Amino acid sequence: EPITLKANSAEIEAPSELQEQIRRRAYELF
């Protein structure tokens, strides 16, 4: 399961979620 970290009230996704966000944005650019 992906984990979510919190820093200064901001959520930071675990690496797998971060990669998924990058993948989706890269496809949008494509």
mmCIF file of all heavy atoms, coordinates in Angstrom:
data_MODEL
# 
_entry.id   MODEL 
# 
loop_
_atom_site.group_PDB 
_atom_site.id 
_atom_site.type_symbol 
_atom_site.label_atom_id 
_atom_site.label_alt_id 
_atom_site.label_comp_id 
_atom_site.label_asym_id 
_atom_site.label_entity_id 
_atom_site.label_seq_id 
_atom_site.pdbx_PDB_ins_code 
_atom_site.Cartn_x 
_atom_site.Cartn_y 
_atom_site.Cartn_z 
_atom_site.occupancy 
_atom_site.B_iso_or_equiv 
_atom_site.pdbx_formal_charge 
_atom_site.auth_seq_id 
_atom_site.auth_comp_id 
_atom_site.auth_asym_id 
_atom_site.auth_atom_id 
_atom_site.pdbx_PDB_model_num 
ATOM 1   N N   . GLU A 1 1  ? 0.834  -1.189 0.000   1.00 0.00 ? 1  GLU A N   1 
ATOM 2   C CA  . GLU A 1 1  ? 0.000  0.000  0.000   1.00 0.00 ? 1  GLU A CA  1 
ATOM 3   C C   . GLU A 1 1  ? 0.876  1.250  0.000   1.00 0.00 ? 1  GLU A C   1 
ATOM 4   O O   . GLU A 1 1  ? 1.858  1.320  0.739   1.00 0.00 ? 1  GLU A O   1 
ATOM 5   C CB  . GLU A 1 1  ? -0.887 0.028  1.252   1.00 0.00 ? 1  GLU A CB  1 
ATOM 6   C CG  . GLU A 1 1  ? -1.951 -1.034 1.260   1.00 0.00 ? 1  GLU A CG  1 
ATOM 7   C CD  . GLU A 1 1  ? -3.007 -0.819 0.216   1.00 0.00 ? 1  GLU A CD  1 
ATOM 8   O OE1 . GLU A 1 1  ? -3.394 0.344  -0.013  1.00 0.00 ? 1  GLU A OE1 1 
ATOM 9   O OE2 . GLU A 1 1  ? -3.432 -1.814 -0.389  1.00 0.00 ? 1  GLU A OE2 1 
ATOM 10  N N   . PRO A 1 2  ? 0.546  2.252  -0.848  1.00 0.00 ? 2  PRO A N   1 
ATOM 11  C CA  . PRO A 1 2  ? 1.316  3.491  -0.809  1.00 0.00 ? 2  PRO A CA  1 
ATOM 12  C C   . PRO A 1 2  ? 1.114  4.203  0.523   1.00 0.00 ? 2  PRO A C   1 
ATOM 13  O O   . PRO A 1 2  ? 0.075  4.051  1.159   1.00 0.00 ? 2  PRO A O   1 
ATOM 14  C CB  . PRO A 1 2  ? 0.758  4.317  -1.959  1.00 0.00 ? 2  PRO A CB  1 
ATOM 15  C CG  . PRO A 1 2  ? -0.447 3.617  -2.434  1.00 0.00 ? 2  PRO A CG  1 
ATOM 16  C CD  . PRO A 1 2  ? -0.489 2.259  -1.824  1.00 0.00 ? 2  PRO A CD  1 
ATOM 17  N N   . ILE A 1 3  ? 2.097  4.930  0.934   1.00 0.00 ? 3  ILE A N   1 
ATOM 18  C CA  . ILE A 1 3  ? 1.988  5.691  2.172   1.00 0.00 ? 3  ILE A CA  1 
ATOM 19  C C   . ILE A 1 3  ? 2.000  7.175  1.845   1.00 0.00 ? 3  ILE A C   1 
ATOM 20  O O   . ILE A 1 3  ? 2.483  7.589  0.807   1.00 0.00 ? 3  ILE A O   1 
ATOM 21  C CB  . ILE A 1 3  ? 3.131  5.364  3.153   1.00 0.00 ? 3  ILE A CB  1 
ATOM 22  C CG1 . ILE A 1 3  ? 4.489  5.677  2.519   1.00 0.00 ? 3  ILE A CG1 1 
ATOM 23  C CG2 . ILE A 1 3  ? 3.061  3.938  3.606   1.00 0.00 ? 3  ILE A CG2 1 
ATOM 24  C CD1 . ILE A 1 3  ? 5.632  5.637  3.483   1.00 0.00 ? 3  ILE A CD1 1 
ATOM 25  N N   . THR A 1 4  ? 1.440  7.959  2.732   1.00 0.00 ? 4  THR A N   1 
ATOM 26  C CA  . THR A 1 4  ? 1.448  9.401  2.584   1.00 0.00 ? 4  THR A CA  1 
ATOM 27  C C   . THR A 1 4  ? 2.134  9.984  3.799   1.00 0.00 ? 4  THR A C   1 
ATOM 28  O O   . THR A 1 4  ? 1.808  9.651  4.934   1.00 0.00 ? 4  THR A O   1 
ATOM 29  C CB  . THR A 1 4  ? 0.011  9.948  2.476   1.00 0.00 ? 4  THR A CB  1 
ATOM 30  O OG1 . THR A 1 4  ? -0.627 9.336  1.364   1.00 0.00 ? 4  THR A OG1 1 
ATOM 31  C CG2 . THR A 1 4  ? 0.010  11.445 2.300   1.00 0.00 ? 4  THR A CG2 1 
ATOM 32  N N   . LEU A 1 5  ? 3.102  10.823 3.565   1.00 0.00 ? 5  LEU A N   1 
ATOM 33  C CA  . LEU A 1 5  ? 3.820  11.506 4.629   1.00 0.00 ? 5  LEU A CA  1 
ATOM 34  C C   . LEU A 1 5  ? 3.293  12.925 4.735   1.00 0.00 ? 5  LEU A C   1 
ATOM 35  O O   . LEU A 1 5  ? 2.794  13.480 3.774   1.00 0.00 ? 5  LEU A O   1 
ATOM 36  C CB  . LEU A 1 5  ? 5.312  11.535 4.309   1.00 0.00 ? 5  LEU A CB  1 
ATOM 37  C CG  . LEU A 1 5  ? 5.960  10.193 3.981   1.00 0.00 ? 5  LEU A CG  1 
ATOM 38  C CD1 . LEU A 1 5  ? 7.392  10.414 3.529   1.00 0.00 ? 5  LEU A CD1 1 
ATOM 39  C CD2 . LEU A 1 5  ? 5.902  9.273  5.173   1.00 0.00 ? 5  LEU A CD2 1 
ATOM 40  N N   . LYS A 1 6  ? 3.418  13.526 5.888   1.00 0.00 ? 6  LYS A N   1 
ATOM 41  C CA  . LYS A 1 6  ? 2.998  14.919 6.049   1.00 0.00 ? 6  LYS A CA  1 
ATOM 42  C C   . LYS A 1 6  ? 4.169  15.737 6.542   1.00 0.00 ? 6  LYS A C   1 
ATOM 43  O O   . LYS A 1 6  ? 4.902  15.325 7.410   1.00 0.00 ? 6  LYS A O   1 
ATOM 44  C CB  . LYS A 1 6  ? 1.834  15.020 7.030   1.00 0.00 ? 6  LYS A CB  1 
ATOM 45  C CG  . LYS A 1 6  ? 0.580  14.399 6.494   1.00 0.00 ? 6  LYS A CG  1 
ATOM 46  C CD  . LYS A 1 6  ? -0.610 14.768 7.317   1.00 0.00 ? 6  LYS A CD  1 
ATOM 47  C CE  . LYS A 1 6  ? -1.811 14.082 6.710   1.00 0.00 ? 6  LYS A CE  1 
ATOM 48  N NZ  . LYS A 1 6  ? -2.973 14.882 6.746   1.00 0.00 ? 6  LYS A NZ  1 
ATOM 49  N N   . ALA A 1 7  ? 4.335  16.907 5.927   1.00 0.00 ? 7  ALA A N   1 
ATOM 50  C CA  . ALA A 1 7  ? 5.380  17.843 6.334   1.00 0.00 ? 7  ALA A CA  1 
ATOM 51  C C   . ALA A 1 7  ? 4.802  19.244 6.248   1.00 0.00 ? 7  ALA A C   1 
ATOM 52  O O   . ALA A 1 7  ? 4.316  19.659 5.202   1.00 0.00 ? 7  ALA A O   1 
ATOM 53  C CB  . ALA A 1 7  ? 6.594  17.718 5.422   1.00 0.00 ? 7  ALA A CB  1 
ATOM 54  N N   . ASN A 1 8  ? 4.829  19.942 7.332   1.00 0.00 ? 8  ASN A N   1 
ATOM 55  C CA  . ASN A 1 8  ? 4.282  21.296 7.371   1.00 0.00 ? 8  ASN A CA  1 
ATOM 56  C C   . ASN A 1 8  ? 2.866  21.346 6.810   1.00 0.00 ? 8  ASN A C   1 
ATOM 57  O O   . ASN A 1 8  ? 2.523  22.192 6.004   1.00 0.00 ? 8  ASN A O   1 
ATOM 58  C CB  . ASN A 1 8  ? 5.173  22.276 6.596   1.00 0.00 ? 8  ASN A CB  1 
ATOM 59  C CG  . ASN A 1 8  ? 6.545  22.394 7.201   1.00 0.00 ? 8  ASN A CG  1 
ATOM 60  O OD1 . ASN A 1 8  ? 6.728  22.172 8.392   1.00 0.00 ? 8  ASN A OD1 1 
ATOM 61  N ND2 . ASN A 1 8  ? 7.515  22.728 6.393   1.00 0.00 ? 8  ASN A ND2 1 
ATOM 62  N N   . SER A 1 9  ? 2.029  20.382 7.185   1.00 0.00 ? 9  SER A N   1 
ATOM 63  C CA  . SER A 1 9  ? 0.638  20.269 6.758   1.00 0.00 ? 9  SER A CA  1 
ATOM 64  C C   . SER A 1 9  ? 0.467  19.954 5.280   1.00 0.00 ? 9  SER A C   1 
ATOM 65  O O   . SER A 1 9  ? -0.621 19.999 4.761   1.00 0.00 ? 9  SER A O   1 
ATOM 66  C CB  . SER A 1 9  ? -0.128 21.557 7.083   1.00 0.00 ? 9  SER A CB  1 
ATOM 67  O OG  . SER A 1 9  ? -0.077 21.813 8.457   1.00 0.00 ? 9  SER A OG  1 
ATOM 68  N N   . ALA A 1 10 ? 1.537  19.673 4.555   1.00 0.00 ? 10 ALA A N   1 
ATOM 69  C CA  . ALA A 1 10 ? 1.442  19.292 3.143   1.00 0.00 ? 10 ALA A CA  1 
ATOM 70  C C   . ALA A 1 10 ? 1.623  17.780 3.039   1.00 0.00 ? 10 ALA A C   1 
ATOM 71  O O   . ALA A 1 10 ? 2.449  17.215 3.731   1.00 0.00 ? 10 ALA A O   1 
ATOM 72  C CB  . ALA A 1 10 ? 2.504  20.006 2.323   1.00 0.00 ? 10 ALA A CB  1 
ATOM 73  N N   . GLU A 1 11 ? 0.831  17.173 2.204   1.00 0.00 ? 11 GLU A N   1 
ATOM 74  C CA  . GLU A 1 11 ? 0.963  15.734 2.004   1.00 0.00 ? 11 GLU A CA  1 
ATOM 75  C C   . GLU A 1 11 ? 2.002  15.447 0.943   1.00 0.00 ? 11 GLU A C   1 
ATOM 76  O O   . GLU A 1 11 ? 2.071  16.121 -0.071  1.00 0.00 ? 11 GLU A O   1 
ATOM 77  C CB  . GLU A 1 11 ? -0.376 15.119 1.590   1.00 0.00 ? 11 GLU A CB  1 
ATOM 78  C CG  . GLU A 1 11 ? -1.390 15.121 2.696   1.00 0.00 ? 11 GLU A CG  1 
ATOM 79  C CD  . GLU A 1 11 ? -2.639 14.353 2.336   1.00 0.00 ? 11 GLU A CD  1 
ATOM 80  O OE1 . GLU A 1 11 ? -2.709 13.797 1.235   1.00 0.00 ? 11 GLU A OE1 1 
ATOM 81  O OE2 . GLU A 1 11 ? -3.547 14.330 3.167   1.00 0.00 ? 11 GLU A OE2 1 
ATOM 82  N N   . ILE A 1 12 ? 2.829  14.453 1.197   1.00 0.00 ? 12 ILE A N   1 
ATOM 83  C CA  . ILE A 1 12 ? 3.861  14.024 0.258   1.00 0.00 ? 12 ILE A CA  1 
ATOM 84  C C   . ILE A 1 12 ? 3.586  12.565 -0.055  1.00 0.00 ? 12 ILE A C   1 
ATOM 85  O O   . ILE A 1 12 ? 3.544  11.740 0.851   1.00 0.00 ? 12 ILE A O   1 
ATOM 86  C CB  . ILE A 1 12 ? 5.268  14.175 0.861   1.00 0.00 ? 12 ILE A CB  1 
ATOM 87  C CG1 . ILE A 1 12 ? 5.489  15.604 1.318   1.00 0.00 ? 12 ILE A CG1 1 
ATOM 88  C CG2 . ILE A 1 12 ? 6.338  13.731 -0.128  1.00 0.00 ? 12 ILE A CG2 1 
ATOM 89  C CD1 . ILE A 1 12 ? 6.703  15.772 2.190   1.00 0.00 ? 12 ILE A CD1 1 
ATOM 90  N N   . GLU A 1 13 ? 3.409  12.257 -1.314  1.00 0.00 ? 13 GLU A N   1 
ATOM 91  C CA  . GLU A 1 13 ? 3.122  10.888 -1.693  1.00 0.00 ? 13 GLU A CA  1 
ATOM 92  C C   . GLU A 1 13 ? 4.379  10.037 -1.648  1.00 0.00 ? 13 GLU A C   1 
ATOM 93  O O   . GLU A 1 13 ? 5.476  10.526 -1.834  1.00 0.00 ? 13 GLU A O   1 
ATOM 94  C CB  . GLU A 1 13 ? 2.519  10.842 -3.098  1.00 0.00 ? 13 GLU A CB  1 
ATOM 95  C CG  . GLU A 1 13 ? 1.134  11.443 -3.185  1.00 0.00 ? 13 GLU A CG  1 
ATOM 96  C CD  . GLU A 1 13 ? 1.150  12.958 -3.288  1.00 0.00 ? 13 GLU A CD  1 
ATOM 97  O OE1 . GLU A 1 13 ? 2.204  13.526 -3.599  1.00 0.00 ? 13 GLU A OE1 1 
ATOM 98  O OE2 . GLU A 1 13 ? 0.119  13.583 -3.045  1.00 0.00 ? 13 GLU A OE2 1 
ATOM 99  N N   . ALA A 1 14 ? 4.177  8.758  -1.431  1.00 0.00 ? 14 ALA A N   1 
ATOM 100 C CA  . ALA A 1 14 ? 5.275  7.803  -1.478  1.00 0.00 ? 14 ALA A CA  1 
ATOM 101 C C   . ALA A 1 14 ? 5.821  7.746  -2.899  1.00 0.00 ? 14 ALA A C   1 
ATOM 102 O O   . ALA A 1 14 ? 5.153  8.146  -3.848  1.00 0.00 ? 14 ALA A O   1 
ATOM 103 C CB  . ALA A 1 14 ? 4.784  6.447  -1.029  1.00 0.00 ? 14 ALA A CB  1 
ATOM 104 N N   . PRO A 1 15 ? 7.033  7.255  -3.076  1.00 0.00 ? 15 PRO A N   1 
ATOM 105 C CA  . PRO A 1 15 ? 7.654  7.240  -4.407  1.00 0.00 ? 15 PRO A CA  1 
ATOM 106 C C   . PRO A 1 15 ? 6.795  6.630  -5.505  1.00 0.00 ? 15 PRO A C   1 
ATOM 107 O O   . PRO A 1 15 ? 6.771  7.143  -6.616  1.00 0.00 ? 15 PRO A O   1 
ATOM 108 C CB  . PRO A 1 15 ? 8.933  6.434  -4.178  1.00 0.00 ? 15 PRO A CB  1 
ATOM 109 C CG  . PRO A 1 15 ? 9.269  6.685  -2.744  1.00 0.00 ? 15 PRO A CG  1 
ATOM 110 C CD  . PRO A 1 15 ? 7.931  6.765  -2.047  1.00 0.00 ? 15 PRO A CD  1 
ATOM 111 N N   . SER A 1 16 ? 6.060  5.560  -5.222  1.00 0.00 ? 16 SER A N   1 
ATOM 112 C CA  . SER A 1 16 ? 5.243  4.953  -6.274  1.00 0.00 ? 16 SER A CA  1 
ATOM 113 C C   . SER A 1 16 ? 4.150  5.912  -6.740  1.00 0.00 ? 16 SER A C   1 
ATOM 114 O O   . SER A 1 16 ? 3.854  5.989  -7.929  1.00 0.00 ? 16 SER A O   1 
ATOM 115 C CB  . SER A 1 16 ? 4.634  3.637  -5.797  1.00 0.00 ? 16 SER A CB  1 
ATOM 116 O OG  . SER A 1 16 ? 3.815  3.857  -4.671  1.00 0.00 ? 16 SER A OG  1 
ATOM 117 N N   . GLU A 1 17 ? 3.550  6.651  -5.837  1.00 0.00 ? 17 GLU A N   1 
ATOM 118 C CA  . GLU A 1 17 ? 2.533  7.633  -6.202  1.00 0.00 ? 17 GLU A CA  1 
ATOM 119 C C   . GLU A 1 17 ? 3.168  8.803  -6.947  1.00 0.00 ? 17 GLU A C   1 
ATOM 120 O O   . GLU A 1 17 ? 2.599  9.314  -7.905  1.00 0.00 ? 17 GLU A O   1 
ATOM 121 C CB  . GLU A 1 17 ? 1.793  8.131  -4.961  1.00 0.00 ? 17 GLU A CB  1 
ATOM 122 C CG  . GLU A 1 17 ? 0.769  9.200  -5.258  1.00 0.00 ? 17 GLU A CG  1 
ATOM 123 C CD  . GLU A 1 17 ? -0.379 8.748  -6.155  1.00 0.00 ? 17 GLU A CD  1 
ATOM 124 O OE1 . GLU A 1 17 ? -0.652 7.543  -6.221  1.00 0.00 ? 17 GLU A OE1 1 
ATOM 125 O OE2 . GLU A 1 17 ? -0.989 9.628  -6.797  1.00 0.00 ? 17 GLU A OE2 1 
ATOM 126 N N   . LEU A 1 18 ? 4.337  9.210  -6.535  1.00 0.00 ? 18 LEU A N   1 
ATOM 127 C CA  . LEU A 1 18 ? 5.045  10.288 -7.216  1.00 0.00 ? 18 LEU A CA  1 
ATOM 128 C C   . LEU A 1 18 ? 5.345  9.887  -8.660  1.00 0.00 ? 18 LEU A C   1 
ATOM 129 O O   . LEU A 1 18 ? 5.107  10.663 -9.592  1.00 0.00 ? 18 LEU A O   1 
ATOM 130 C CB  . LEU A 1 18 ? 6.343  10.622 -6.484  1.00 0.00 ? 18 LEU A CB  1 
ATOM 131 C CG  . LEU A 1 18 ? 7.237  11.684 -7.110  1.00 0.00 ? 18 LEU A CG  1 
ATOM 132 C CD1 . LEU A 1 18 ? 6.500  13.013 -7.235  1.00 0.00 ? 18 LEU A CD1 1 
ATOM 133 C CD2 . LEU A 1 18 ? 8.498  11.845 -6.293  1.00 0.00 ? 18 LEU A CD2 1 
ATOM 134 N N   . GLN A 1 19 ? 5.814  8.680  -8.851  1.00 0.00 ? 19 GLN A N   1 
ATOM 135 C CA  . GLN A 1 19 ? 6.093  8.207  -10.212 1.00 0.00 ? 19 GLN A CA  1 
ATOM 136 C C   . GLN A 1 19 ? 4.822  8.157  -11.044 1.00 0.00 ? 19 GLN A C   1 
ATOM 137 O O   . GLN A 1 19 ? 4.840  8.474  -12.231 1.00 0.00 ? 19 GLN A O   1 
ATOM 138 C CB  . GLN A 1 19 ? 6.755  6.833  -10.185 1.00 0.00 ? 19 GLN A CB  1 
ATOM 139 C CG  . GLN A 1 19 ? 8.212  6.902  -9.814  1.00 0.00 ? 19 GLN A CG  1 
ATOM 140 C CD  . GLN A 1 19 ? 8.893  5.560  -9.986  1.00 0.00 ? 19 GLN A CD  1 
ATOM 141 O OE1 . GLN A 1 19 ? 8.300  4.516  -9.758  1.00 0.00 ? 19 GLN A OE1 1 
ATOM 142 N NE2 . GLN A 1 19 ? 10.145 5.604  -10.391 1.00 0.00 ? 19 GLN A NE2 1 
ATOM 143 N N   . GLU A 1 20 ? 3.729  7.775  -10.439 1.00 0.00 ? 20 GLU A N   1 
ATOM 144 C CA  . GLU A 1 20 ? 2.455  7.722  -11.161 1.00 0.00 ? 20 GLU A CA  1 
ATOM 145 C C   . GLU A 1 20 ? 2.016  9.121  -11.581 1.00 0.00 ? 20 GLU A C   1 
ATOM 146 O O   . GLU A 1 20 ? 1.534  9.314  -12.698 1.00 0.00 ? 20 GLU A O   1 
ATOM 147 C CB  . GLU A 1 20 ? 1.384  7.047  -10.300 1.00 0.00 ? 20 GLU A CB  1 
ATOM 148 C CG  . GLU A 1 20 ? 0.031  6.951  -10.963 1.00 0.00 ? 20 GLU A CG  1 
ATOM 149 C CD  . GLU A 1 20 ? 0.018  6.120  -12.233 1.00 0.00 ? 20 GLU A CD  1 
ATOM 150 O OE1 . GLU A 1 20 ? 0.907  5.280  -12.443 1.00 0.00 ? 20 GLU A OE1 1 
ATOM 151 O OE2 . GLU A 1 20 ? -0.914 6.301  -13.042 1.00 0.00 ? 20 GLU A OE2 1 
ATOM 152 N N   . GLN A 1 21 ? 2.184  10.104 -10.713 1.00 0.00 ? 21 GLN A N   1 
ATOM 153 C CA  . GLN A 1 21 ? 1.844  11.480 -11.065 1.00 0.00 ? 21 GLN A CA  1 
ATOM 154 C C   . GLN A 1 21 ? 2.711  11.970 -12.224 1.00 0.00 ? 21 GLN A C   1 
ATOM 155 O O   . GLN A 1 21 ? 2.216  12.620 -13.138 1.00 0.00 ? 21 GLN A O   1 
ATOM 156 C CB  . GLN A 1 21 ? 2.033  12.412 -9.866  1.00 0.00 ? 21 GLN A CB  1 
ATOM 157 C CG  . GLN A 1 21 ? 0.990  12.273 -8.809  1.00 0.00 ? 21 GLN A CG  1 
ATOM 158 C CD  . GLN A 1 21 ? 1.226  13.234 -7.667  1.00 0.00 ? 21 GLN A CD  1 
ATOM 159 O OE1 . GLN A 1 21 ? 2.337  13.712 -7.455  1.00 0.00 ? 21 GLN A OE1 1 
ATOM 160 N NE2 . GLN A 1 21 ? 0.190  13.531 -6.922  1.00 0.00 ? 21 GLN A NE2 1 
ATOM 161 N N   . ILE A 1 22 ? 3.996  11.663 -12.164 1.00 0.00 ? 22 ILE A N   1 
ATOM 162 C CA  . ILE A 1 22 ? 4.908  12.058 -13.243 1.00 0.00 ? 22 ILE A CA  1 
ATOM 163 C C   . ILE A 1 22 ? 4.507  11.366 -14.544 1.00 0.00 ? 22 ILE A C   1 
ATOM 164 O O   . ILE A 1 22 ? 4.458  11.996 -15.605 1.00 0.00 ? 22 ILE A O   1 
ATOM 165 C CB  . ILE A 1 22 ? 6.367  11.748 -12.870 1.00 0.00 ? 22 ILE A CB  1 
ATOM 166 C CG1 . ILE A 1 22 ? 6.800  12.617 -11.685 1.00 0.00 ? 22 ILE A CG1 1 
ATOM 167 C CG2 . ILE A 1 22 ? 7.295  11.967 -14.071 1.00 0.00 ? 22 ILE A CG2 1 
ATOM 168 C CD1 . ILE A 1 22 ? 8.109  12.207 -11.047 1.00 0.00 ? 22 ILE A CD1 1 
ATOM 169 N N   . ARG A 1 23 ? 4.194  10.084 -14.463 1.00 0.00 ? 23 ARG A N   1 
ATOM 170 C CA  . ARG A 1 23 ? 3.793  9.336  -15.654 1.00 0.00 ? 23 ARG A CA  1 
ATOM 171 C C   . ARG A 1 23 ? 2.557  9.944  -16.296 1.00 0.00 ? 23 ARG A C   1 
ATOM 172 O O   . ARG A 1 23 ? 2.498  10.152 -17.510 1.00 0.00 ? 23 ARG A O   1 
ATOM 173 C CB  . ARG A 1 23 ? 3.523  7.871  -15.302 1.00 0.00 ? 23 ARG A CB  1 
ATOM 174 C CG  . ARG A 1 23 ? 3.245  6.992  -16.522 1.00 0.00 ? 23 ARG A CG  1 
ATOM 175 C CD  . ARG A 1 23 ? 2.600  5.675  -16.152 1.00 0.00 ? 23 ARG A CD  1 
ATOM 176 N NE  . ARG A 1 23 ? 1.298  5.830  -15.516 1.00 0.00 ? 23 ARG A NE  1 
ATOM 177 C CZ  . ARG A 1 23 ? 0.168  6.153  -16.179 1.00 0.00 ? 23 ARG A CZ  1 
ATOM 178 N NH1 . ARG A 1 23 ? 0.188  6.364  -17.453 1.00 0.00 ? 23 ARG A NH1 1 
ATOM 179 N NH2 . ARG A 1 23 ? -0.966 6.263  -15.523 1.00 0.00 ? 23 ARG A NH2 1 
ATOM 180 N N   . ARG A 1 24 ? 1.554  10.277 -15.468 1.00 0.00 ? 24 ARG A N   1 
ATOM 181 C CA  . ARG A 1 24 ? 0.319  10.878 -16.001 1.00 0.00 ? 24 ARG A CA  1 
ATOM 182 C C   . ARG A 1 24 ? 0.600  12.220 -16.658 1.00 0.00 ? 24 ARG A C   1 
ATOM 183 O O   . ARG A 1 24 ? 0.090  12.514 -17.737 1.00 0.00 ? 24 ARG A O   1 
ATOM 184 C CB  . ARG A 1 24 ? -0.717 11.038 -14.890 1.00 0.00 ? 24 ARG A CB  1 
ATOM 185 C CG  . ARG A 1 24 ? -1.394 9.742  -14.504 1.00 0.00 ? 24 ARG A CG  1 
ATOM 186 C CD  . ARG A 1 24 ? -2.593 9.978  -13.609 1.00 0.00 ? 24 ARG A CD  1 
ATOM 187 N NE  . ARG A 1 24 ? -2.242 10.724 -12.406 1.00 0.00 ? 24 ARG A NE  1 
ATOM 188 C CZ  . ARG A 1 24 ? -2.215 10.217 -11.187 1.00 0.00 ? 24 ARG A CZ  1 
ATOM 189 N NH1 . ARG A 1 24 ? -2.526 8.957  -10.997 1.00 0.00 ? 24 ARG A NH1 1 
ATOM 190 N NH2 . ARG A 1 24 ? -1.888 10.955 -10.157 1.00 0.00 ? 24 ARG A NH2 1 
ATOM 191 N N   . ARG A 1 25 ? 1.427  13.047 -16.001 1.00 0.00 ? 25 ARG A N   1 
ATOM 192 C CA  . ARG A 1 25 ? 1.733  14.368 -16.561 1.00 0.00 ? 25 ARG A CA  1 
ATOM 193 C C   . ARG A 1 25 ? 2.547  14.230 -17.848 1.00 0.00 ? 25 ARG A C   1 
ATOM 194 O O   . ARG A 1 25 ? 2.310  14.967 -18.815 1.00 0.00 ? 25 ARG A O   1 
ATOM 195 C CB  . ARG A 1 25 ? 2.488  15.226 -15.541 1.00 0.00 ? 25 ARG A CB  1 
ATOM 196 C CG  . ARG A 1 25 ? 2.871  16.582 -16.044 1.00 0.00 ? 25 ARG A CG  1 
ATOM 197 C CD  . ARG A 1 25 ? 1.646  17.409 -16.424 1.00 0.00 ? 25 ARG A CD  1 
ATOM 198 N NE  . ARG A 1 25 ? 2.069  18.684 -16.976 1.00 0.00 ? 25 ARG A NE  1 
ATOM 199 C CZ  . ARG A 1 25 ? 1.496  19.280 -18.019 1.00 0.00 ? 25 ARG A CZ  1 
ATOM 200 N NH1 . ARG A 1 25 ? 0.430  18.765 -18.593 1.00 0.00 ? 25 ARG A NH1 1 
ATOM 201 N NH2 . ARG A 1 25 ? 1.969  20.426 -18.468 1.00 0.00 ? 25 ARG A NH2 1 
ATOM 202 N N   . ALA A 1 26 ? 3.486  13.299 -17.892 1.00 0.00 ? 26 ALA A N   1 
ATOM 203 C CA  . ALA A 1 26 ? 4.281  13.077 -19.106 1.00 0.00 ? 26 ALA A CA  1 
ATOM 204 C C   . ALA A 1 26 ? 3.369  12.665 -20.256 1.00 0.00 ? 26 ALA A C   1 
ATOM 205 O O   . ALA A 1 26 ? 3.546  13.117 -21.393 1.00 0.00 ? 26 ALA A O   1 
ATOM 206 C CB  . ALA A 1 26 ? 5.360  12.028 -18.858 1.00 0.00 ? 26 ALA A CB  1 
ATOM 207 N N   . TYR A 1 27 ? 2.379  11.854 -19.973 1.00 0.00 ? 27 TYR A N   1 
ATOM 208 C CA  . TYR A 1 27 ? 1.448  11.444 -21.020 1.00 0.00 ? 27 TYR A CA  1 
ATOM 209 C C   . TYR A 1 27 ? 0.603  12.628 -21.483 1.00 0.00 ? 27 TYR A C   1 
ATOM 210 O O   . TYR A 1 27 ? 0.320  12.770 -22.681 1.00 0.00 ? 27 TYR A O   1 
ATOM 211 C CB  . TYR A 1 27 ? 0.557  10.297 -20.543 1.00 0.00 ? 27 TYR A CB  1 
ATOM 212 C CG  . TYR A 1 27 ? -0.275 9.724  -21.658 1.00 0.00 ? 27 TYR A CG  1 
ATOM 213 C CD1 . TYR A 1 27 ? 0.304  8.908  -22.626 1.00 0.00 ? 27 TYR A CD1 1 
ATOM 214 C CD2 . TYR A 1 27 ? -1.625 10.020 -21.773 1.00 0.00 ? 27 TYR A CD2 1 
ATOM 215 C CE1 . TYR A 1 27 ? -0.441 8.393  -23.677 1.00 0.00 ? 27 TYR A CE1 1 
ATOM 216 C CE2 . TYR A 1 27 ? -2.381 9.515  -22.813 1.00 0.00 ? 27 TYR A CE2 1 
ATOM 217 C CZ  . TYR A 1 27 ? -1.788 8.710  -23.761 1.00 0.00 ? 27 TYR A CZ  1 
ATOM 218 O OH  . TYR A 1 27 ? -2.525 8.210  -24.798 1.00 0.00 ? 27 TYR A OH  1 
ATOM 219 N N   . GLU A 1 28 ? 0.206  13.496 -20.553 1.00 0.00 ? 28 GLU A N   1 
ATOM 220 C CA  . GLU A 1 28 ? -0.528 14.715 -20.943 1.00 0.00 ? 28 GLU A CA  1 
ATOM 221 C C   . GLU A 1 28 ? 0.320  15.565 -21.886 1.00 0.00 ? 28 GLU A C   1 
ATOM 222 O O   . GLU A 1 28 ? -0.192 16.086 -22.881 1.00 0.00 ? 28 GLU A O   1 
ATOM 223 C CB  . GLU A 1 28 ? -0.888 15.541 -19.708 1.00 0.00 ? 28 GLU A CB  1 
ATOM 224 C CG  . GLU A 1 28 ? -1.970 14.954 -18.841 1.00 0.00 ? 28 GLU A CG  1 
ATOM 225 C CD  . GLU A 1 28 ? -2.163 15.738 -17.555 1.00 0.00 ? 28 GLU A CD  1 
ATOM 226 O OE1 . GLU A 1 28 ? -1.466 16.755 -17.327 1.00 0.00 ? 28 GLU A OE1 1 
ATOM 227 O OE2 . GLU A 1 28 ? -3.038 15.335 -16.758 1.00 0.00 ? 28 GLU A OE2 1 
ATOM 228 N N   . LEU A 1 29 ? 1.590  15.705 -21.582 1.00 0.00 ? 29 LEU A N   1 
ATOM 229 C CA  . LEU A 1 29 ? 2.489  16.479 -22.438 1.00 0.00 ? 29 LEU A CA  1 
ATOM 230 C C   . LEU A 1 29 ? 2.602  15.835 -23.817 1.00 0.00 ? 29 LEU A C   1 
ATOM 231 O O   . LEU A 1 29 ? 2.576  16.532 -24.843 1.00 0.00 ? 29 LEU A O   1 
ATOM 232 C CB  . LEU A 1 29 ? 3.872  16.613 -21.788 1.00 0.00 ? 29 LEU A CB  1 
ATOM 233 C CG  . LEU A 1 29 ? 3.908  17.419 -20.493 1.00 0.00 ? 29 LEU A CG  1 
ATOM 234 C CD1 . LEU A 1 29 ? 5.252  17.252 -19.800 1.00 0.00 ? 29 LEU A CD1 1 
ATOM 235 C CD2 . LEU A 1 29 ? 3.616  18.887 -20.776 1.00 0.00 ? 29 LEU A CD2 1 
ATOM 236 N N   . PHE A 1 30 ? 2.709  14.525 -23.846 1.00 0.00 ? 30 PHE A N   1 
ATOM 237 C CA  . PHE A 1 30 ? 2.748  13.768 -25.102 1.00 0.00 ? 30 PHE A CA  1 
ATOM 238 C C   . PHE A 1 30 ? 1.495  14.047 -25.925 1.00 0.00 ? 30 PHE A C   1 
ATOM 239 O O   . PHE A 1 30 ? 1.569  14.336 -27.122 1.00 0.00 ? 30 PHE A O   1 
ATOM 240 C CB  . PHE A 1 30 ? 2.885  12.277 -24.769 1.00 0.00 ? 30 PHE A CB  1 
ATOM 241 C CG  . PHE A 1 30 ? 2.635  11.347 -25.913 1.00 0.00 ? 30 PHE A CG  1 
ATOM 242 C CD1 . PHE A 1 30 ? 3.594  11.157 -26.894 1.00 0.00 ? 30 PHE A CD1 1 
ATOM 243 C CD2 . PHE A 1 30 ? 1.443  10.641 -25.995 1.00 0.00 ? 30 PHE A CD2 1 
ATOM 244 C CE1 . PHE A 1 30 ? 3.366  10.274 -27.949 1.00 0.00 ? 30 PHE A CE1 1 
ATOM 245 C CE2 . PHE A 1 30 ? 1.213  9.758  -27.036 1.00 0.00 ? 30 PHE A CE2 1 
ATOM 246 C CZ  . PHE A 1 30 ? 2.180  9.578  -28.020 1.00 0.00 ? 30 PHE A CZ  1 
# 
